[in-house]
Amino acid sequence: MAFAMGVRLRDAVRRGSARADADLAGRVCSELASDLPEEDLGEYLHDALDMYRMGSKPRCEEVEYLGMVREAIERIEEGGGKADRVW
């Protein structure tokens, strides 16, 4: 009986962790969208990098844009290690 309880508890922890990950991803994407209001970033930030055409912006803007998107992806992948950082 204790084994079944442990499995349920572990499943609940996983679900809570997935929810926290989704919340973090949503929060990071919101922050990035507010910093880059003219950009259409979409739901997946990796797509924003994959679909980006090099040279489509002035060089200084391009470097800043790509850096901000990469940093947001890293924050999400780290799971909030830098969630308290202000942009």
N, C-alpha and C. Protein backbone atom coordinates (compact mmCIF):
# COMPACT_ATOMS: atom_id res chain seq x y z
N MET A 1 0.81 -1.21 0.00
CA MET A 1 0.00 0.00 0.00
C MET A 1 0.86 1.27 0.00
N ALA A 2 1.95 1.25 0.75
CA ALA A 2 2.83 2.42 0.79
C ALA A 2 3.45 2.68 -0.58
N PHE A 3 3.71 1.63 -1.33
CA PHE A 3 4.29 1.79 -2.66
C PHE A 3 3.34 2.55 -3.58
N ALA A 4 2.07 2.19 -3.54
CA ALA A 4 1.08 2.87 -4.39
C ALA A 4 0.99 4.35 -4.02
N MET A 5 1.05 4.65 -2.73
CA MET A 5 0.99 6.04 -2.28
C MET A 5 2.21 6.80 -2.80
N GLY A 6 3.38 6.17 -2.77
CA GLY A 6 4.59 6.82 -3.26
C GLY A 6 4.52 7.13 -4.74
N VAL A 7 3.93 6.24 -5.50
CA VAL A 7 3.79 6.46 -6.94
C VAL A 7 2.87 7.65 -7.19
N ARG A 8 1.77 7.72 -6.48
CA ARG A 8 0.84 8.85 -6.66
C ARG A 8 1.51 10.17 -6.28
N LEU A 9 2.25 10.16 -5.20
CA LEU A 9 2.93 11.38 -4.77
C LEU A 9 3.95 11.82 -5.81
N ARG A 10 4.70 10.87 -6.35
CA ARG A 10 5.69 11.20 -7.37
C ARG A 10 5.01 11.78 -8.61
N ASP A 11 3.88 11.19 -9.01
CA ASP A 11 3.15 11.71 -10.17
C ASP A 11 2.66 13.13 -9.91
N ALA A 12 2.21 13.40 -8.70
CA ALA A 12 1.74 14.74 -8.36
C ALA A 12 2.89 15.74 -8.40
N VAL A 13 4.05 15.34 -7.94
CA VAL A 13 5.22 16.22 -7.97
C VAL A 13 5.59 16.51 -9.42
N ARG A 14 5.56 15.49 -10.27
CA ARG A 14 5.87 15.71 -11.69
C ARG A 14 4.90 16.69 -12.32
N ARG A 15 3.61 16.52 -12.04
CA ARG A 15 2.62 17.43 -12.62
C ARG A 15 2.84 18.85 -12.12
N GLY A 16 3.15 19.01 -10.84
CA GLY A 16 3.42 20.33 -10.30
C GLY A 16 4.65 20.95 -10.93
N SER A 17 5.67 20.13 -11.16
CA SER A 17 6.89 20.62 -11.78
C SER A 17 6.63 21.05 -13.22
N ALA A 18 5.85 20.30 -13.95
CA ALA A 18 5.52 20.66 -15.34
C ALA A 18 4.74 21.96 -15.37
N ARG A 19 3.84 22.12 -14.41
CA ARG A 19 3.05 23.36 -14.34
C ARG A 19 3.97 24.54 -14.04
N ALA A 20 4.90 24.36 -13.12
CA ALA A 20 5.85 25.43 -12.79
C ALA A 20 6.72 25.77 -13.99
N ASP A 21 7.14 24.74 -14.74
CA ASP A 21 7.95 24.97 -15.94
C ASP A 21 7.15 25.77 -16.97
N ALA A 22 5.88 25.42 -17.14
CA ALA A 22 5.03 26.14 -18.10
C ALA A 22 4.81 27.57 -17.64
N ASP A 23 4.63 27.77 -16.34
CA ASP A 23 4.45 29.12 -15.80
C ASP A 23 5.71 29.96 -16.04
N LEU A 24 6.86 29.36 -15.79
CA LEU A 24 8.13 30.07 -16.01
C LEU A 24 8.28 30.43 -17.48
N ALA A 25 8.02 29.47 -18.36
CA ALA A 25 8.14 29.74 -19.80
C ALA A 25 7.21 30.86 -20.22
N GLY A 26 5.99 30.84 -19.72
CA GLY A 26 5.04 31.90 -20.05
C GLY A 26 5.50 33.26 -19.55
N ARG A 27 6.04 33.28 -18.33
CA ARG A 27 6.50 34.53 -17.74
C ARG A 27 7.70 35.09 -18.53
N VAL A 28 8.64 34.22 -18.87
CA VAL A 28 9.82 34.66 -19.63
C VAL A 28 9.41 35.16 -21.01
N CYS A 29 8.50 34.44 -21.67
CA CYS A 29 8.04 34.87 -23.00
C CYS A 29 7.30 36.20 -22.92
N SER A 30 6.52 36.40 -21.86
CA SER A 30 5.83 37.68 -21.68
C SER A 30 6.80 38.83 -21.51
N GLU A 31 7.83 38.59 -20.69
CA GLU A 31 8.84 39.63 -20.49
C GLU A 31 9.54 39.97 -21.80
N LEU A 32 9.87 38.95 -22.56
CA LEU A 32 10.56 39.17 -23.84
C LEU A 32 9.64 39.90 -24.82
N ALA A 33 8.38 39.52 -24.85
CA ALA A 33 7.43 40.19 -25.75
C ALA A 33 7.24 41.65 -25.39
N SER A 34 7.27 41.96 -24.09
CA SER A 34 7.15 43.37 -23.69
C SER A 34 8.41 44.16 -24.04
N ASP A 35 9.57 43.49 -24.01
CA ASP A 35 10.82 44.15 -24.39
C ASP A 35 10.96 44.30 -25.91
N LEU A 36 10.31 43.42 -26.65
CA LEU A 36 10.37 43.44 -28.11
C LEU A 36 8.96 43.48 -28.70
N PRO A 37 8.22 44.55 -28.45
CA PRO A 37 6.80 44.58 -28.84
C PRO A 37 6.57 44.51 -30.35
N GLU A 38 7.54 44.91 -31.14
CA GLU A 38 7.36 44.92 -32.59
C GLU A 38 7.65 43.56 -33.22
N GLU A 39 8.15 42.62 -32.44
CA GLU A 39 8.50 41.30 -32.96
C GLU A 39 7.35 40.32 -32.76
N ASP A 40 7.18 39.42 -33.72
CA ASP A 40 6.20 38.34 -33.61
C ASP A 40 6.97 37.09 -33.22
N LEU A 41 7.10 36.85 -31.92
CA LEU A 41 7.95 35.77 -31.44
C LEU A 41 7.29 34.40 -31.50
N GLY A 42 6.00 34.32 -31.40
CA GLY A 42 5.33 33.04 -31.41
C GLY A 42 5.46 32.33 -30.08
N GLU A 43 4.98 31.10 -30.04
CA GLU A 43 4.93 30.34 -28.80
C GLU A 43 6.28 29.70 -28.45
N TYR A 44 7.05 29.33 -29.45
CA TYR A 44 8.31 28.63 -29.23
C TYR A 44 9.48 29.52 -29.64
N LEU A 45 10.31 29.85 -28.69
CA LEU A 45 11.41 30.77 -28.95
C LEU A 45 12.46 30.16 -29.87
N HIS A 46 12.62 28.84 -29.85
CA HIS A 46 13.57 28.21 -30.77
C HIS A 46 13.16 28.49 -32.21
N ASP A 47 11.86 28.53 -32.47
CA ASP A 47 11.38 28.85 -33.82
C ASP A 47 11.78 30.26 -34.23
N ALA A 48 11.76 31.18 -33.28
CA ALA A 48 12.15 32.56 -33.59
C ALA A 48 13.59 32.60 -34.07
N LEU A 49 14.46 31.78 -33.47
CA LEU A 49 15.86 31.73 -33.91
C LEU A 49 15.99 30.99 -35.25
N ASP A 50 15.25 29.88 -35.38
CA ASP A 50 15.34 29.09 -36.61
C ASP A 50 14.84 29.87 -37.83
N MET A 51 13.80 30.67 -37.64
CA MET A 51 13.18 31.37 -38.76
C MET A 51 13.83 32.74 -39.04
N TYR A 52 14.73 33.17 -38.17
CA TYR A 52 15.33 34.48 -38.34
C TYR A 52 16.27 34.50 -39.54
N ARG A 53 16.17 35.53 -40.35
CA ARG A 53 17.07 35.71 -41.50
C ARG A 53 18.17 36.68 -41.11
N MET A 54 19.40 36.21 -41.11
CA MET A 54 20.53 37.06 -40.79
C MET A 54 20.59 38.21 -41.80
N GLY A 55 20.84 39.42 -41.29
CA GLY A 55 20.93 40.59 -42.14
C GLY A 55 19.61 41.30 -42.34
N SER A 56 18.54 40.80 -41.71
CA SER A 56 17.24 41.43 -41.90
C SER A 56 17.05 42.66 -40.99
N LYS A 57 17.98 42.88 -40.10
CA LYS A 57 17.96 44.05 -39.21
C LYS A 57 19.34 44.70 -39.28
N PRO A 58 19.43 45.95 -38.86
CA PRO A 58 20.76 46.55 -38.71
C PRO A 58 21.59 45.71 -37.72
N ARG A 59 22.86 45.64 -37.93
CA ARG A 59 23.74 44.74 -37.16
C ARG A 59 23.59 44.89 -35.65
N CYS A 60 23.56 46.10 -35.13
CA CYS A 60 23.47 46.27 -33.67
C CYS A 60 22.12 45.77 -33.15
N GLU A 61 21.05 46.00 -33.89
CA GLU A 61 19.73 45.50 -33.48
C GLU A 61 19.68 43.98 -33.56
N GLU A 62 20.32 43.44 -34.58
CA GLU A 62 20.33 42.00 -34.78
C GLU A 62 21.02 41.30 -33.62
N VAL A 63 22.16 41.81 -33.23
CA VAL A 63 22.92 41.22 -32.12
C VAL A 63 22.10 41.29 -30.83
N GLU A 64 21.47 42.42 -30.57
CA GLU A 64 20.67 42.58 -29.36
C GLU A 64 19.46 41.63 -29.38
N TYR A 65 18.76 41.58 -30.50
CA TYR A 65 17.58 40.71 -30.63
C TYR A 65 17.95 39.24 -30.40
N LEU A 66 18.96 38.77 -31.12
CA LEU A 66 19.35 37.36 -31.00
C LEU A 66 19.84 37.04 -29.60
N GLY A 67 20.56 37.96 -28.99
CA GLY A 67 21.03 37.76 -27.62
C GLY A 67 19.88 37.67 -26.63
N MET A 68 18.88 38.51 -26.78
CA MET A 68 17.74 38.50 -25.87
C MET A 68 16.94 37.20 -26.01
N VAL A 69 16.76 36.74 -27.24
CA VAL A 69 16.02 35.49 -27.45
C VAL A 69 16.80 34.31 -26.89
N ARG A 70 18.10 34.26 -27.13
CA ARG A 70 18.92 33.17 -26.59
C ARG A 70 18.92 33.18 -25.06
N GLU A 71 19.00 34.36 -24.48
CA GLU A 71 18.99 34.47 -23.02
C GLU A 71 17.66 33.99 -22.45
N ALA A 72 16.56 34.32 -23.11
CA ALA A 72 15.24 33.86 -22.65
C ALA A 72 15.15 32.34 -22.73
N ILE A 73 15.66 31.76 -23.80
CA ILE A 73 15.66 30.30 -23.94
C ILE A 73 16.48 29.67 -22.81
N GLU A 74 17.63 30.23 -22.52
CA GLU A 74 18.48 29.71 -21.45
C GLU A 74 17.78 29.79 -20.10
N ARG A 75 17.08 30.90 -19.84
CA ARG A 75 16.36 31.04 -18.57
C ARG A 75 15.31 29.95 -18.43
N ILE A 76 14.61 29.67 -19.51
CA ILE A 76 13.58 28.63 -19.46
C ILE A 76 14.21 27.26 -19.26
N GLU A 77 15.28 26.98 -19.99
CA GLU A 77 15.94 25.68 -19.87
C GLU A 77 16.57 25.47 -18.51
N GLU A 78 17.04 26.54 -17.88
CA GLU A 78 17.63 26.43 -16.55
C GLU A 78 16.57 26.21 -15.49
N GLY A 79 15.32 26.45 -15.83
CA GLY A 79 14.24 26.20 -14.90
C GLY A 79 14.08 27.27 -13.85
N GLY A 80 14.46 28.47 -14.17
CA GLY A 80 14.22 29.57 -13.25
C GLY A 80 15.40 29.97 -12.43
N GLY A 81 16.55 29.41 -12.69
CA GLY A 81 17.73 29.80 -11.93
C GLY A 81 17.99 31.29 -11.99
N LYS A 82 17.59 31.94 -13.08
CA LYS A 82 17.78 33.37 -13.22
C LYS A 82 16.44 34.10 -13.26
N ALA A 83 15.40 33.47 -12.74
CA ALA A 83 14.05 34.04 -12.84
C ALA A 83 13.92 35.38 -12.13
N ASP A 84 14.77 35.64 -11.15
CA ASP A 84 14.66 36.89 -10.42
C ASP A 84 15.39 38.04 -11.09
N ARG A 85 16.13 37.75 -12.13
CA ARG A 85 16.87 38.79 -12.83
C ARG A 85 15.90 39.73 -13.54
N VAL A 86 16.20 41.00 -13.47
CA VAL A 86 15.38 42.02 -14.14
C VAL A 86 16.06 42.34 -15.45
N TRP A 87 15.28 42.46 -16.51
CA TRP A 87 15.85 42.75 -17.84
C TRP A 87 16.11 44.19 -17.94
